[in-house]
């Protein structure tokens, strides 16, 4: 079994303006050179050799002396290229492949392109994707290949073709685990808010109960005359009103926070 580290490419055929083509070319070269240093046992580049990203990746690999393997979608794949420089470029790259993997499709089809993308993921250790981050325009497109790689847990490095940045994408399973952990923490935090609200309610009920009990004592058992009774009771009533007011304010605040968190939970 080969001990080489295998790096596959997927990406858009039409990269847009020349600045993006230059950015992707340099990014491929930098990434491959870095992987070459990190894997002294050797690396192998895998490419479907389609126009655009595939060819740029293949050329960067060959410039660095990295062995290239081509994965051909269907018989007669050269017809994907207009006669002239594009087709000649394809033939040159094909001749420089140390291995050619011909897939069992007779004609051009979505199935053939889907199979190429999945083959590249299945037989690689790392996928490099020149991708704008959007869903695939057609079946088997770059977005589909990236999604498949993430489902399979394959490491993916995105060369972002619109933002002109390079970043590592997390596998879907890991992303789902992180999202579940965030969801669980959010649920626990929301539950704590509800518990705090209940604690505050119990506290204020106790305080109001004490005030009511003291007022009852003053009226029934204190022996105070009417005037002194009013003087004694009135501050307690005012204090009770203030307690109820702040209690209501705090309850409304907790209610809004809990509703906001429940709304976020439903959206997660």
Protein backbone atom coordinates (compact mmCIF):
# COMPACT_ATOMS: atom_id res chain seq x y z
CA UNK A 1 0.00 0.00 0.00
CA UNK A 2 1.28 3.48 -0.88
CA UNK A 3 2.51 5.60 2.04
CA UNK A 4 2.22 8.79 0.01
CA UNK A 5 -0.08 11.53 1.24
CA UNK A 6 -2.72 12.00 -1.45
CA UNK A 7 -4.15 15.45 -2.14
CA UNK A 8 -7.12 15.89 -4.48
CA UNK A 9 -8.60 19.01 -6.03
CA UNK A 10 -12.08 20.18 -6.87
CA UNK A 11 -13.01 23.61 -8.10
CA UNK A 12 -14.77 25.86 -10.54
CA UNK A 13 -13.98 25.75 -14.21
CA UNK A 14 -14.63 29.46 -14.64
CA UNK A 15 -12.77 31.35 -11.95
CA UNK A 16 -13.74 34.78 -13.18
CA UNK A 17 -11.20 37.55 -13.60
CA UNK A 18 -7.45 37.27 -13.95
CA UNK A 19 -6.87 38.39 -10.36
CA UNK A 20 -8.81 35.36 -9.10
CA UNK A 21 -6.95 33.01 -11.45
CA UNK A 22 -3.68 34.40 -10.10
CA UNK A 23 -4.84 34.08 -6.49
CA UNK A 24 -5.93 30.45 -6.96
CA UNK A 25 -2.70 29.57 -8.78
CA UNK A 26 -0.55 31.01 -6.00
CA UNK A 27 -2.72 29.42 -3.29
CA UNK A 28 -2.38 25.98 -4.90
CA UNK A 29 1.37 26.37 -5.19
CA UNK A 30 1.73 27.52 -1.57
CA UNK A 31 -0.51 24.75 -0.19
CA UNK A 32 1.23 22.01 -2.12
CA UNK A 33 4.69 23.28 -1.16
CA UNK A 34 3.63 23.32 2.52
CA UNK A 35 2.21 19.78 2.34
CA UNK A 36 5.36 18.65 0.57
CA UNK A 37 7.46 19.85 3.50
CA UNK A 38 5.13 18.31 6.08
CA UNK A 39 5.10 14.88 4.39
CA UNK A 40 8.68 13.82 3.70
CA UNK A 41 7.37 10.40 2.63
CA UNK A 42 6.04 12.11 -0.47
CA UNK A 43 2.70 13.37 -1.74
CA UNK A 44 0.63 12.64 -4.81
CA UNK A 45 -1.70 15.11 -6.54
CA UNK A 46 -5.06 13.89 -7.86
CA UNK A 47 -6.96 15.90 -10.47
CA UNK A 48 -9.92 15.44 -12.76
CA UNK A 49 -8.01 17.59 -15.31
CA UNK A 50 -11.06 19.69 -16.21
CA UNK A 51 -10.55 23.29 -17.30
CA UNK A 52 -9.97 25.90 -14.64
CA UNK A 53 -9.10 24.82 -11.10
CA UNK A 54 -8.23 21.20 -11.96
CA UNK A 55 -5.61 22.21 -14.50
CA UNK A 56 -4.12 24.96 -12.34
CA UNK A 57 -3.71 22.47 -9.49
CA UNK A 58 -2.15 19.85 -11.77
CA UNK A 59 0.31 22.38 -13.18
CA UNK A 60 1.27 23.61 -9.70
CA UNK A 61 1.94 20.03 -8.63
CA UNK A 62 4.13 19.29 -11.65
CA UNK A 63 6.11 22.51 -11.13
CA UNK A 64 6.94 21.31 -7.62
CA UNK A 65 7.92 17.86 -8.87
CA UNK A 66 4.88 16.22 -7.26
CA UNK A 67 3.61 13.08 -9.05
CA UNK A 68 0.25 13.64 -10.75
CA UNK A 69 -2.60 11.17 -11.18
CA UNK A 70 -5.47 11.98 -13.53
CA UNK A 71 -9.07 10.88 -12.97
CA UNK A 72 -10.99 10.90 -16.24
CA UNK A 73 -14.77 11.25 -16.01
CA UNK A 74 -15.73 9.45 -19.23
CA UNK A 75 -14.45 8.10 -22.53
CA UNK A 76 -13.73 10.92 -24.92
CA UNK A 77 -13.22 13.49 -22.14
CA UNK A 78 -11.02 15.47 -24.54
CA UNK A 79 -14.25 16.59 -26.22
CA UNK A 80 -14.89 18.71 -23.12
CA UNK A 81 -12.27 21.06 -24.54
CA UNK A 82 -12.47 23.28 -27.59
CA UNK A 83 -9.99 22.27 -30.30
CA UNK A 84 -6.88 24.36 -29.97
CA UNK A 85 -4.87 25.54 -26.93
CA UNK A 86 -7.29 24.23 -24.30
CA UNK A 87 -7.32 20.71 -25.69
CA UNK A 88 -3.57 20.73 -26.25
CA UNK A 89 -3.09 21.79 -22.64
CA UNK A 90 -5.22 18.83 -21.54
CA UNK A 91 -3.18 16.40 -23.65
CA UNK A 92 0.09 17.77 -22.20
CA UNK A 93 -1.13 17.25 -18.63
CA UNK A 94 -2.52 13.80 -19.49
CA UNK A 95 0.87 12.71 -20.81
CA UNK A 96 2.59 13.82 -17.61
CA UNK A 97 0.30 11.81 -15.35
CA UNK A 98 2.11 8.88 -13.76
CA UNK A 99 -1.25 7.08 -13.46
CA UNK A 100 -4.55 7.62 -15.26
CA UNK A 101 -7.78 6.42 -13.65
CA UNK A 102 -10.48 6.03 -16.31
CA UNK A 103 -14.01 5.91 -14.87
CA UNK A 104 -16.55 3.56 -16.55
CA UNK A 105 -18.73 6.16 -18.27
CA UNK A 106 -19.17 6.34 -22.04
CA UNK A 107 -20.57 9.85 -22.30
CA UNK A 108 -20.65 13.15 -20.50
CA UNK A 109 -23.26 13.18 -17.71
CA UNK A 110 -24.02 14.46 -14.24
CA UNK A 111 -23.41 10.93 -13.01
CA UNK A 112 -19.92 10.92 -14.46
CA UNK A 113 -19.01 14.23 -12.84
CA UNK A 114 -20.50 13.14 -9.52
CA UNK A 115 -18.47 9.93 -9.68
CA UNK A 116 -15.24 11.86 -10.33
CA UNK A 117 -15.83 14.08 -7.31
CA UNK A 118 -16.59 11.16 -5.04
CA UNK A 119 -13.62 9.15 -6.36
CA UNK A 120 -11.29 12.05 -5.60
CA UNK A 121 -12.61 12.27 -2.04
CA UNK A 122 -12.59 8.50 -1.46
CA UNK A 123 -8.99 8.05 -2.60
CA UNK A 124 -7.43 11.14 -1.03
CA UNK A 125 -6.25 12.21 2.40
CA UNK A 126 -7.01 15.89 1.83
CA UNK A 127 -9.31 17.79 -0.53
CA UNK A 128 -8.38 21.26 -1.79
CA UNK A 129 -11.41 23.14 -3.08
CA UNK A 130 -11.31 26.30 -5.18
CA UNK A 131 -14.86 27.17 -4.21
CA UNK A 132 -16.97 30.31 -3.82
CA UNK A 133 -18.94 28.79 -0.93
CA UNK A 134 -22.20 28.58 -2.89
CA UNK A 135 -24.25 25.42 -3.59
CA UNK A 136 -23.33 23.56 -6.76
CA UNK A 137 -24.81 25.01 -9.96
CA UNK A 138 -25.29 21.48 -11.31
CA UNK A 139 -25.19 17.95 -9.96
CA UNK A 140 -21.63 16.88 -9.19
CA UNK A 141 -20.41 20.47 -8.98
CA UNK A 142 -17.84 21.82 -6.56
CA UNK A 143 -20.35 22.43 -3.74
CA UNK A 144 -21.54 18.82 -3.97
CA UNK A 145 -17.99 17.48 -3.80
CA UNK A 146 -17.19 19.60 -0.74
CA UNK A 147 -20.40 18.45 0.98
CA UNK A 148 -19.56 14.82 0.25
CA UNK A 149 -16.04 15.28 1.63
CA UNK A 150 -17.39 16.83 4.83
CA UNK A 151 -19.91 14.01 5.29
CA UNK A 152 -17.07 11.51 4.87
CA UNK A 153 -14.95 13.32 7.42
CA UNK A 154 -12.29 14.23 4.86
CA UNK A 155 -10.21 17.35 5.66
CA UNK A 156 -11.04 20.19 3.26
CA UNK A 157 -9.04 23.33 2.59
CA UNK A 158 -11.08 25.97 0.81
CA UNK A 159 -9.44 28.42 -1.54
CA UNK A 160 -12.25 30.98 -1.53
CA UNK A 161 -12.63 32.30 -5.06
CA UNK A 162 -14.62 35.43 -4.18
CA UNK A 163 -13.17 36.45 -0.81
CA UNK A 164 -9.62 35.49 -1.84
CA UNK A 165 -8.76 33.71 1.38
CA UNK A 166 -7.72 30.19 2.37
CA UNK A 167 -9.31 28.35 5.28
CA UNK A 168 -9.87 24.85 6.65
CA UNK A 169 -13.46 23.55 6.65
CA UNK A 170 -14.66 21.35 9.49
CA UNK A 171 -16.24 17.95 8.73
CA UNK A 172 -20.05 17.96 9.01
CA UNK A 173 -19.96 15.51 11.92
CA UNK A 174 -17.67 17.76 13.93
CA UNK A 175 -19.76 20.81 13.04
CA UNK A 176 -22.89 18.96 14.17
CA UNK A 177 -21.18 18.00 17.44
CA UNK A 178 -20.18 21.59 18.08
CA UNK A 179 -23.68 22.83 17.27
CA UNK A 180 -25.19 20.20 19.60
CA UNK A 181 -22.86 21.25 22.41
CA UNK A 182 -23.81 24.90 21.86
CA UNK A 183 -27.49 23.92 21.82
CA UNK A 184 -27.14 21.94 25.06
CA UNK A 185 -25.35 24.80 26.81
CA UNK A 186 -27.99 27.24 25.59
CA UNK A 187 -30.79 24.99 26.87
CA UNK A 188 -29.10 24.71 30.26
CA UNK A 189 -28.57 28.45 30.42
CA UNK A 190 -32.22 29.09 29.52
CA UNK A 191 -33.32 26.65 32.23
CA UNK A 192 -31.17 28.53 34.75
CA UNK A 193 -32.90 31.77 33.77
CA UNK A 194 -36.28 30.16 34.51
CA UNK A 195 -34.99 28.86 37.85
CA UNK A 196 -33.70 32.33 38.77
CA UNK A 197 -37.05 33.86 37.89
CA UNK A 198 -38.80 31.36 40.17
CA UNK A 199 -36.32 32.05 42.96
CA UNK A 200 -36.93 35.79 42.66
CA UNK A 201 -40.70 35.19 42.72
CA UNK A 202 -40.43 33.06 45.86
CA UNK A 203 -38.26 35.68 47.55
CA UNK A 204 -40.68 38.51 46.82
CA UNK A 205 -43.68 36.41 47.92
CA UNK A 206 -41.88 35.75 51.21
CA UNK A 207 -41.08 39.44 51.70
CA UNK A 208 -44.66 40.47 50.94
CA UNK A 209 -45.92 37.76 53.29
CA UNK A 210 -43.75 39.14 56.08
CA UNK A 211 -45.05 42.67 55.43
CA UNK A 212 -48.66 41.50 55.38
CA UNK A 213 -48.13 39.51 58.57
CA UNK A 214 -46.61 42.50 60.36
CA UNK A 215 -49.45 44.76 59.25
CA UNK A 216 -51.94 42.17 60.54
CA UNK A 217 -50.12 42.10 63.89
CA UNK A 218 -50.21 45.89 64.15
CA UNK A 219 -53.93 46.05 63.41
CA UNK A 220 -55.03 43.22 65.67
CA UNK A 221 -52.54 42.91 68.50
CA UNK A 222 -50.36 46.00 68.83
CA UNK A 223 -52.89 48.09 70.78
CA UNK A 224 -51.94 51.23 68.86
CA UNK A 225 -54.54 53.99 68.49
CA UNK A 226 -55.87 54.88 65.06
CA UNK A 227 -53.37 57.69 64.41
CA UNK A 228 -50.32 55.76 65.52
CA UNK A 229 -51.59 52.72 63.66
CA UNK A 230 -51.71 54.73 60.41
CA UNK A 231 -48.21 56.09 61.06
CA UNK A 232 -46.90 52.56 61.62
CA UNK A 233 -48.73 50.88 58.76
CA UNK A 234 -48.29 53.47 55.98
CA UNK A 235 -44.49 53.01 55.50
CA UNK A 236 -45.02 49.26 55.40
CA UNK A 237 -47.66 49.67 52.69
CA UNK A 238 -45.36 51.97 50.68
CA UNK A 239 -42.50 49.50 51.10
CA UNK A 240 -44.78 46.67 49.97
CA UNK A 241 -45.83 48.68 46.88
CA UNK A 242 -42.16 49.34 46.02
CA UNK A 243 -41.32 45.66 46.48
CA UNK A 244 -44.18 44.67 44.16
CA UNK A 245 -43.12 47.26 41.57
CA UNK A 246 -39.49 46.08 41.44
CA UNK A 247 -40.65 42.50 41.52
CA UNK A 248 -42.81 43.10 38.43
CA UNK A 249 -39.94 44.88 36.65
CA UNK A 250 -37.57 42.01 37.35
CA UNK A 251 -40.10 39.38 36.31
CA UNK A 252 -40.72 41.23 33.01
CA UNK A 253 -36.98 41.36 32.39
CA UNK A 254 -36.56 37.63 32.98
CA UNK A 255 -39.62 36.94 30.83
CA UNK A 256 -38.14 38.86 27.88
CA UNK A 257 -34.77 37.12 28.26
CA UNK A 258 -36.36 33.66 28.40
CA UNK A 259 -38.57 34.38 25.36
CA UNK A 260 -35.54 35.66 23.44
CA UNK A 261 -33.56 32.54 24.27
CA UNK A 262 -36.44 30.26 23.36
CA UNK A 263 -36.66 32.05 20.00
CA UNK A 264 -32.94 31.45 19.40
CA UNK A 265 -33.31 27.79 20.41
CA UNK A 266 -36.10 27.29 17.86
CA UNK A 267 -33.86 28.76 15.16
CA UNK A 268 -30.84 26.56 16.03
